[in-house]
C-alpha atoms as a PDB file:
ATOM      1  CA  MET A   1       0.025  -0.005   0.009  1.00  0.00           C
ATOM      2  CA  SER A   2       1.488   3.352  -0.937  1.00  0.00           C
ATOM      3  CA  LYS A   3       1.498   6.337   1.341  1.00  0.00           C
ATOM      4  CA  THR A   4       0.014   9.505   0.030  1.00  0.00           C
ATOM      5  CA  ARG A   5       2.185  12.495   0.568  1.00  0.00           C
ATOM      6  CA  ARG A   6       0.384  15.611   1.385  1.00  0.00           C
ATOM      7  CA  ALA A   7       2.002  18.969   0.815  1.00  0.00           C
ATOM      8  CA  LYS A   8       1.838  21.280   3.790  1.00  0.00           C
ATOM      9  CA  LYS A   9      -0.453  24.238   3.329  1.00  0.00           C
ATOM     10  CA  PRO A  10       1.625  27.372   3.189  1.00  0.00           C
ATOM     11  CA  MET A  11       1.218  29.712   6.083  1.00  0.00           C
ATOM     12  CA  PRO A  12      -0.044  33.179   5.100  1.00  0.00           C
ATOM     13  CA  VAL A  13       2.666  35.777   5.515  1.00  0.00           C
ATOM     14  CA  LYS A  14       1.715  38.565   7.784  1.00  0.00           C
ATOM     15  CA  ALA A  15       3.052  42.044   7.390  1.00  0.00           C
ATOM     16  CA  VAL A  16       5.139  43.121  10.441  1.00  0.00           C
ATOM     17  CA  VAL A  17       3.461  46.182  11.935  1.00  0.00           C
ATOM     18  CA  PRO A  18       5.516  48.283  14.371  1.00  0.00           C
ATOM     19  CA  PHE A  19       3.700  49.854  17.331  1.00  0.00           C
ATOM     20  CA  GLY A  20       2.540  53.436  16.928  1.00  0.00           C
ATOM     21  CA  THR A  21       3.773  54.450  20.379  1.00  0.00           C
ATOM     22  CA  ALA A  22       5.775  53.094  23.240  1.00  0.00           C
ATOM     23  CA  GLU A  23       2.604  53.257  25.317  1.00  0.00           C
ATOM     24  CA  GLU A  24       0.877  50.868  22.938  1.00  0.00           C
ATOM     25  CA  ALA A  25       3.903  48.549  23.076  1.00  0.00           C
ATOM     26  CA  TRP A  26       3.996  48.727  26.820  1.00  0.00           C
ATOM     27  CA  PHE A  27       0.262  47.772  27.183  1.00  0.00           C
ATOM     28  CA  TRP A  28       0.749  44.947  24.663  1.00  0.00           C
ATOM     29  CA  PHE A  29       3.695  43.737  26.813  1.00  0.00           C
ATOM     30  CA  VAL A  30       1.662  43.777  30.004  1.00  0.00           C
ATOM     31  CA  ARG A  31      -1.303  42.038  28.419  1.00  0.00           C
ATOM     32  CA  SER A  32       1.073  39.409  27.037  1.00  0.00           C
ATOM     33  CA  GLU A  33       2.605  38.907  30.502  1.00  0.00           C
ATOM     34  CA  ARG A  34      -0.796  38.601  32.026  1.00  0.00           C
ATOM     35  CA  ALA A  35      -1.850  35.961  29.531  1.00  0.00           C
ATOM     36  CA  ARG A  36       1.436  34.157  30.027  1.00  0.00           C
ATOM     37  CA  ARG A  37       0.895  34.213  33.802  1.00  0.00           C
ATOM     38  CA  ASP A  38      -2.580  32.732  33.272  1.00  0.00           C
ATOM     39  CA  GLY A  39      -0.997  29.839  31.366  1.00  0.00           C
ATOM     40  CA  ALA A  40      -1.252  30.925  27.731  1.00  0.00           C
ATOM     41  CA  ARG A  41       1.543  30.057  25.344  1.00  0.00           C
ATOM     42  CA  LEU A  42       2.079  33.008  23.149  1.00  0.00           C
ATOM     43  CA  THR A  43       3.237  32.703  19.545  1.00  0.00           C
ATOM     44  CA  ASN A  44       3.375  35.351  16.815  1.00  0.00           C
ATOM     45  CA  GLY A  45       0.502  33.456  15.130  1.00  0.00           C
ATOM     46  CA  ASP A  46      -1.892  34.157  17.943  1.00  0.00           C
ATOM     47  CA  THR A  47      -2.729  37.644  16.693  1.00  0.00           C
ATOM     48  CA  CYS A  48      -4.037  39.230  13.483  1.00  0.00           C
ATOM     49  CA  THR A  49      -0.887  41.371  13.214  1.00  0.00           C
ATOM     50  CA  ALA A  50       2.657  40.366  13.442  1.00  0.00           C
ATOM     51  CA  ARG A  51       4.759  42.504  15.740  1.00  0.00           C
ATOM     52  CA  PRO A  52       8.485  43.274  15.227  1.00  0.00           C
ATOM     53  CA  CYS A  53       9.368  41.841  18.592  1.00  0.00           C
ATOM     54  CA  ASP A  54       8.552  39.497  21.381  1.00  0.00           C
ATOM     55  CA  PRO A  55       7.097  40.685  24.710  1.00  0.00           C
ATOM     56  CA  ASP A  56      10.447  39.824  26.340  1.00  0.00           C
ATOM     57  CA  ASP A  57      12.091  42.445  24.020  1.00  0.00           C
ATOM     58  CA  ILE A  58      10.016  45.153  25.623  1.00  0.00           C
ATOM     59  CA  TYR A  59      11.016  43.967  29.023  1.00  0.00           C
ATOM     60  CA  ARG A  60      14.677  43.898  28.132  1.00  0.00           C
ATOM     61  CA  ALA A  61      14.493  47.467  26.774  1.00  0.00           C
ATOM     62  CA  VAL A  62      12.917  48.728  30.007  1.00  0.00           C
ATOM     63  CA  MET A  63      15.545  46.864  32.064  1.00  0.00           C
ATOM     64  CA  LYS A  64      18.363  48.277  29.946  1.00  0.00           C
ATOM     65  CA  LEU A  65      17.073  51.794  30.596  1.00  0.00           C
ATOM     66  CA  HIS A  66      16.814  50.940  34.324  1.00  0.00           C
ATOM     67  CA  ARG A  67      20.373  49.515  34.482  1.00  0.00           C
ATOM     68  CA  SER A  68      21.678  52.622  32.727  1.00  0.00           C
ATOM     69  CA  ARG A  69      19.816  54.745  35.281  1.00  0.00           C
ATOM     70  CA  ARG A  70      17.565  56.361  32.692  1.00  0.00           C
ATOM     71  CA  LEU A  71      14.578  54.773  34.418  1.00  0.00           C
ATOM     72  CA  SER A  72      14.331  54.896  38.209  1.00  0.00           C
ATOM     73  CA  ALA A  73      12.503  52.527  40.537  1.00  0.00           C
ATOM     74  CA  ALA A  74       9.684  55.091  40.647  1.00  0.00           C
ATOM     75  CA  HIS A  75       9.381  54.911  36.908  1.00  0.00           C
ATOM     76  CA  LEU A  76       9.190  51.177  37.003  1.00  0.00           C
ATOM     77  CA  LYS A  77       6.538  51.242  39.666  1.00  0.00           C
ATOM     78  CA  VAL A  78       4.370  53.597  37.637  1.00  0.00           C
ATOM     79  CA  LEU A  79       4.857  51.533  34.504  1.00  0.00           C
ATOM     80  CA  ALA A  80       3.822  48.341  36.314  1.00  0.00           C
ATOM     81  CA  GLN A  81       0.935  49.865  38.182  1.00  0.00           C
ATOM     82  CA  TYR A  82      -0.743  51.635  35.258  1.00  0.00           C
ATOM     83  CA  GLY A  83       0.278  48.929  32.776  1.00  0.00           C
ATOM     84  CA  TRP A  84      -1.591  46.367  35.021  1.00  0.00           C
ATOM     85  CA  ARG A  85      -4.589  48.687  35.097  1.00  0.00           C
ATOM     86  CA  ASP A  86      -4.357  48.894  31.259  1.00  0.00           C
ATOM     87  CA  CYS A  87      -4.776  52.635  31.257  1.00  0.00           C
ATOM     88  CA  PRO A  88      -2.371  55.594  31.739  1.00  0.00           C
ATOM     89  CA  PRO A  89      -2.510  57.991  34.638  1.00  0.00           C
ATOM     90  CA  ASP A  90      -5.371  60.442  34.259  1.00  0.00           C
ATOM     91  CA  HIS A  91      -4.254  64.092  33.974  1.00  0.00           C
ATOM     92  CA  ARG A  92      -7.623  65.169  35.388  1.00  0.00           C
ATOM     93  CA  VAL A  93      -7.008  63.331  38.706  1.00  0.00           C
ATOM     94  CA  ARG A  94      -4.832  65.416  41.000  1.00  0.00           C
ATOM     95  CA  GLU A  95      -3.561  62.334  42.911  1.00  0.00           C
ATOM     96  CA  GLU A  96      -2.136  60.992  39.629  1.00  0.00           C
ATOM     97  CA  THR A  97      -0.165  64.064  38.661  1.00  0.00           C
ATOM     98  CA  ARG A  98       3.225  62.733  39.886  1.00  0.00           C
ATOM     99  CA  ALA A  99       2.467  59.359  38.277  1.00  0.00           C
ATOM    100  CA  LEU A 100       1.615  61.052  34.978  1.00  0.00           C
ATOM    101  CA  VAL A 101       4.999  62.835  34.991  1.00  0.00           C
ATOM    102  CA  LEU A 102       6.858  59.609  35.642  1.00  0.00           C
ATOM    103  CA  TRP A 103       4.708  57.791  33.072  1.00  0.00           C
ATOM    104  CA  GLU A 104       5.494  60.247  30.301  1.00  0.00           C
ATOM    105  CA  GLU A 105       9.269  60.414  31.205  1.00  0.00           C
ATOM    106  CA  ALA A 106       9.460  56.608  31.126  1.00  0.00           C
ATOM    107  CA  LEU A 107       7.579  56.282  27.858  1.00  0.00           C
ATOM    108  CA  ASP A 108       9.604  59.090  26.254  1.00  0.00           C
ATOM    109  CA  ARG A 109      12.811  57.284  27.125  1.00  0.00           C
ATOM    110  CA  LEU A 110      11.313  53.878  26.023  1.00  0.00           C
ATOM    111  CA  THR A 111      10.247  55.409  22.712  1.00  0.00           C
ATOM    112  CA  THR A 112      13.791  56.266  21.841  1.00  0.00           C
ATOM    113  CA  GLU A 113      15.003  52.755  22.754  1.00  0.00           C
ATOM    114  CA  LEU A 114      12.247  51.031  20.817  1.00  0.00           C
ATOM    115  CA  ALA A 115      12.283  53.256  17.811  1.00  0.00           C
ATOM    116  CA  ASP A 116      16.100  52.433  17.445  1.00  0.00           C
ATOM    117  CA  LYS A 117      15.089  48.808  17.233  1.00  0.00           C
ATOM    118  CA  GLY A 118      12.230  49.315  14.815  1.00  0.00           C
ATOM    119  CA  VAL A 119       9.618  48.276  17.383  1.00  0.00           C
ATOM    120  CA  VAL A 120       7.991  51.725  17.466  1.00  0.00           C
ATOM    121  CA  VAL A 121       7.500  53.895  14.440  1.00  0.00           C
ATOM    122  CA  HIS A 122      10.270  56.502  14.153  1.00  0.00           C
ATOM    123  CA  GLY A 123       9.011  59.863  15.094  1.00  0.00           C
ATOM    124  CA  ALA A 124       6.212  58.349  17.242  1.00  0.00           C
ATOM    125  CA  HIS A 125       5.461  60.280  20.381  1.00  0.00           C
ATOM    126  CA  MET A 126       2.750  60.613  23.011  1.00  0.00           C
ATOM    127  CA  ASP A 127       0.324  63.343  22.624  1.00  0.00           C
ATOM    128  CA  ARG A 128      -0.600  64.646  26.012  1.00  0.00           C
ATOM    129  CA  VAL A 129      -4.236  65.463  26.481  1.00  0.00           C
ATOM    130  CA  GLY A 130      -4.996  68.367  28.644  1.00  0.00           C
END
């Protein structure tokens, strides 16, 4: 009896889409980490859009900035707190004023790091509302 060979169906090629902002990349990283913590195995095929990095690349960029003292422990705390909440500090809430300053500083520095790697669109910046 002969075996029938089946050709593998070619996988569709997705266009790699960089993030528009470091904030978008950060929230994607935190959502990925949350899913990973909940037991999901993440692959680039799990989304409709291919990204130019893995979630770990975002983490490494943040840690590089921290090791070089361009991000302080306070920056990391704000990134973690508001990343986990999945929303940035609100400029209308007086208690979040300091957090907003740290958030914007951290994302500004992260933008430069990620843009150099092609993860964020060059020239992307955060527009502050208010």
